[in-house]
Amino acid sequence: MKTSNEINPKEFLTHAVEISATIKEHAAALQLSSQNALSRFEEAIGDLQENQETEQSFLVPDWDPGLRSSKLSDNQKRYLIKKGPHQPTLAKFPQKDSIPVSKQRQFTANWYKEFPHLEYSICKDAAYCFICSLFWKSGQDPAWAETGVSTWSKMRSRGVNKKGKLALHFSSESTKLL
């Protein structure tokens, strides 16, 4: 407005109408550009979430079956199949003190030869089935796929003329996929 001591009401109201019309135009433009930006933002968030899910399926899974997730993407399964079962050969495997000295107290790498899909987890000191850990379905016994088996004294034999856990498991239908 002008720097006059006198206030001209008509001039004041005319300027107020012009200014409010300009503000209204700018507000409408701001509202439209904000709606467009919000729409682009929501699309970007959706794309980002899809990309994260896709990226998750390409993350390299743990090779040690005791650390491996039970939910693997097809890409992760293909990676593990190419890599093969986790079969470390340690100079000395840990012993289970809970098993009597007269019985098998530790895992042995010799079992890999007879049971090629057998895996060993260093972190859990437990045996796993490579096939079951990749293709396990709910309702099946989780021992060979998720929790691991570590009753070493029963791996080769469970008594006179009784197959051990290794022979029983690796002769079952579930392990004949590969």
Protein backbone atom coordinates (compact mmCIF):
# COMPACT_ATOMS: atom_id res chain seq x y z
CA MET A 1 0.00 0.00 0.00
CA LYS A 2 1.01 3.61 -0.18
CA THR A 3 2.74 5.43 2.63
CA SER A 4 0.07 8.01 3.11
CA ASN A 5 -1.44 9.09 6.39
CA GLU A 6 -4.89 8.94 4.88
CA ILE A 7 -6.52 5.55 4.32
CA ASN A 8 -8.62 5.28 1.24
CA PRO A 9 -11.04 2.43 1.97
CA LYS A 10 -11.91 1.81 -1.68
CA GLU A 11 -8.26 1.62 -2.71
CA PHE A 12 -7.49 -0.61 0.28
CA LEU A 13 -10.28 -3.05 -0.55
CA THR A 14 -9.35 -3.09 -4.25
CA HIS A 15 -5.76 -4.02 -3.38
CA ALA A 16 -6.97 -6.60 -0.84
CA VAL A 17 -9.13 -8.27 -3.53
CA GLU A 18 -6.19 -8.30 -6.00
CA ILE A 19 -3.79 -9.69 -3.40
CA SER A 20 -6.25 -12.36 -2.23
CA ALA A 21 -6.87 -13.40 -5.88
CA THR A 22 -3.10 -13.74 -6.40
CA ILE A 23 -2.78 -15.74 -3.17
CA LYS A 24 -5.67 -17.97 -4.29
CA GLU A 25 -3.95 -18.65 -7.65
CA HIS A 26 -0.64 -19.43 -5.95
CA ALA A 27 -2.38 -21.67 -3.38
CA ALA A 28 -4.15 -23.60 -6.16
CA ALA A 29 -0.84 -24.03 -8.02
CA LEU A 30 0.88 -25.14 -4.79
CA GLN A 31 -1.93 -27.61 -4.07
CA LEU A 32 -1.70 -29.10 -7.58
CA SER A 33 2.11 -29.43 -7.50
CA SER A 34 1.92 -30.92 -3.98
CA GLN A 35 -0.62 -33.51 -5.13
CA ASN A 36 1.62 -34.42 -8.10
CA ALA A 37 4.68 -34.67 -5.84
CA LEU A 38 2.78 -36.85 -3.36
CA SER A 39 1.62 -39.13 -6.15
CA ARG A 40 5.22 -39.49 -7.49
CA PHE A 41 6.46 -40.08 -3.92
CA GLU A 42 3.92 -42.89 -3.35
CA GLU A 43 4.90 -44.50 -6.68
CA ALA A 44 8.59 -44.27 -5.73
CA ILE A 45 7.91 -45.89 -2.33
CA GLY A 46 6.04 -48.72 -4.07
CA ASP A 47 8.93 -49.23 -6.52
CA LEU A 48 11.43 -49.12 -3.65
CA GLN A 49 9.53 -51.80 -1.74
CA GLU A 50 9.39 -54.01 -4.85
CA ASN A 51 13.12 -53.47 -5.40
CA GLN A 52 13.91 -54.32 -1.77
CA GLU A 53 11.95 -57.58 -2.08
CA THR A 54 13.79 -58.36 -5.32
CA GLU A 55 17.16 -57.41 -3.79
CA GLN A 56 16.38 -59.60 -0.76
CA SER A 57 15.98 -62.59 -3.09
CA PHE A 58 19.51 -61.95 -4.42
CA LEU A 59 21.24 -61.69 -1.02
CA VAL A 60 23.84 -64.40 -0.57
CA PRO A 61 22.53 -66.90 2.01
CA ASP A 62 24.67 -68.33 4.79
CA TRP A 63 26.38 -71.51 3.68
CA ASP A 64 26.49 -72.93 7.22
CA PRO A 65 23.10 -74.64 7.64
CA GLY A 66 22.91 -73.63 11.31
CA LEU A 67 22.91 -69.96 10.27
CA ARG A 68 20.89 -70.32 7.07
CA SER A 69 17.39 -68.89 6.92
CA SER A 70 14.56 -71.36 6.41
CA LYS A 71 12.94 -68.93 3.97
CA LEU A 72 15.05 -68.90 0.83
CA SER A 73 14.21 -67.41 -2.54
CA ASP A 74 14.60 -69.47 -5.71
CA ASN A 75 17.75 -67.47 -6.53
CA GLN A 76 19.25 -68.28 -3.14
CA LYS A 77 18.40 -71.97 -3.54
CA ARG A 78 20.05 -72.02 -6.98
CA TYR A 79 23.15 -70.40 -5.47
CA LEU A 80 23.34 -72.99 -2.69
CA ILE A 81 22.76 -75.88 -5.10
CA LYS A 82 25.70 -74.67 -7.21
CA LYS A 83 27.83 -74.32 -4.08
CA GLY A 84 26.82 -77.73 -2.71
CA PRO A 85 26.42 -78.99 0.85
CA HIS A 86 28.41 -77.35 3.65
CA GLN A 87 30.90 -80.10 4.50
CA PRO A 88 33.78 -78.71 6.54
CA THR A 89 36.57 -81.07 7.49
CA LEU A 90 37.88 -80.05 10.88
CA ALA A 91 41.04 -81.49 12.43
CA LYS A 92 38.91 -82.34 15.47
CA PHE A 93 35.15 -81.98 15.79
CA PRO A 94 33.72 -80.96 19.19
CA GLN A 95 32.78 -83.79 21.55
CA LYS A 96 29.46 -84.10 23.38
CA ASP A 97 30.16 -84.74 27.05
CA SER A 98 26.56 -85.87 27.52
CA ILE A 99 27.26 -88.99 25.42
CA PRO A 100 29.10 -91.84 27.20
CA VAL A 101 32.79 -92.25 26.35
CA SER A 102 32.12 -95.76 24.99
CA LYS A 103 29.83 -94.35 22.27
CA GLN A 104 30.30 -92.06 19.24
CA ARG A 105 30.67 -88.61 20.86
CA GLN A 106 31.38 -86.40 17.86
CA PHE A 107 30.63 -85.81 14.20
CA THR A 108 33.00 -87.37 11.70
CA ALA A 109 33.78 -86.14 8.18
CA ASN A 110 33.88 -89.76 6.93
CA TRP A 111 30.07 -89.69 6.87
CA TYR A 112 30.19 -87.27 3.91
CA LYS A 113 31.42 -90.07 1.63
CA GLU A 114 28.48 -92.36 2.30
CA PHE A 115 25.90 -89.56 2.62
CA PRO A 116 26.81 -86.85 0.06
CA HIS A 117 23.87 -84.59 1.04
CA LEU A 118 24.91 -84.51 4.67
CA GLU A 119 25.89 -81.07 5.98
CA TYR A 120 27.60 -80.02 9.18
CA SER A 121 27.10 -76.73 11.02
CA ILE A 122 30.21 -75.55 12.83
CA CYS A 123 28.28 -72.94 14.81
CA LYS A 124 25.59 -75.40 16.04
CA ASP A 125 27.72 -78.59 16.14
CA ALA A 126 24.86 -80.35 14.37
CA ALA A 127 24.21 -82.32 11.17
CA TYR A 128 21.68 -81.25 8.54
CA CYS A 129 20.30 -82.61 5.28
CA PHE A 130 21.12 -80.36 2.34
CA ILE A 131 17.96 -81.38 0.44
CA CYS A 132 15.65 -80.93 3.41
CA SER A 133 17.12 -77.54 4.32
CA LEU A 134 16.40 -76.25 0.80
CA PHE A 135 13.04 -77.89 0.18
CA TRP A 136 11.59 -78.34 3.67
CA LYS A 137 7.83 -77.94 3.98
CA SER A 138 5.91 -77.16 7.15
CA GLY A 139 4.56 -80.30 8.74
CA GLN A 140 7.78 -82.23 8.15
CA ASP A 141 10.20 -83.03 10.96
CA PRO A 142 12.38 -79.90 11.32
CA ALA A 143 15.37 -81.80 12.78
CA TRP A 144 17.27 -82.32 9.52
CA ALA A 145 16.31 -78.92 8.05
CA GLU A 146 16.12 -76.35 10.85
CA THR A 147 17.28 -77.53 14.27
CA GLY A 148 19.96 -80.04 13.31
CA VAL A 149 20.74 -83.51 14.60
CA SER A 150 23.54 -84.04 17.10
CA THR A 151 22.95 -87.35 18.87
CA TRP A 152 26.21 -88.67 17.43
CA SER A 153 25.95 -92.04 19.17
CA LYS A 154 22.80 -92.88 17.18
CA MET A 155 23.95 -91.69 13.77
CA ARG A 156 25.37 -95.04 12.53
CA SER A 157 23.30 -97.48 14.58
CA ARG A 158 20.47 -97.41 17.09
CA GLY A 159 21.07 -100.92 18.39
CA VAL A 160 21.44 -104.44 17.05
CA ASN A 161 20.06 -104.66 13.48
CA LYS A 162 18.61 -101.13 13.70
CA LYS A 163 19.62 -98.55 11.13
CA GLY A 164 21.10 -95.36 12.45
CA LYS A 165 19.67 -91.89 11.90
CA LEU A 166 21.85 -91.27 8.84
CA ALA A 167 20.80 -94.43 7.00
CA LEU A 168 17.15 -93.96 7.92
CA HIS A 169 17.00 -90.37 6.82
CA PHE A 170 19.03 -90.61 3.63
CA SER A 171 17.11 -93.66 2.41
CA SER A 172 13.75 -91.87 2.80
CA GLU A 173 11.75 -90.58 -0.17
CA SER A 174 12.23 -86.92 0.84
CA THR A 175 15.96 -87.08 0.13
CA LYS A 176 15.74 -88.65 -3.32
CA LEU A 177 15.09 -85.34 -5.12
CA LEU A 178 18.62 -84.90 -6.44
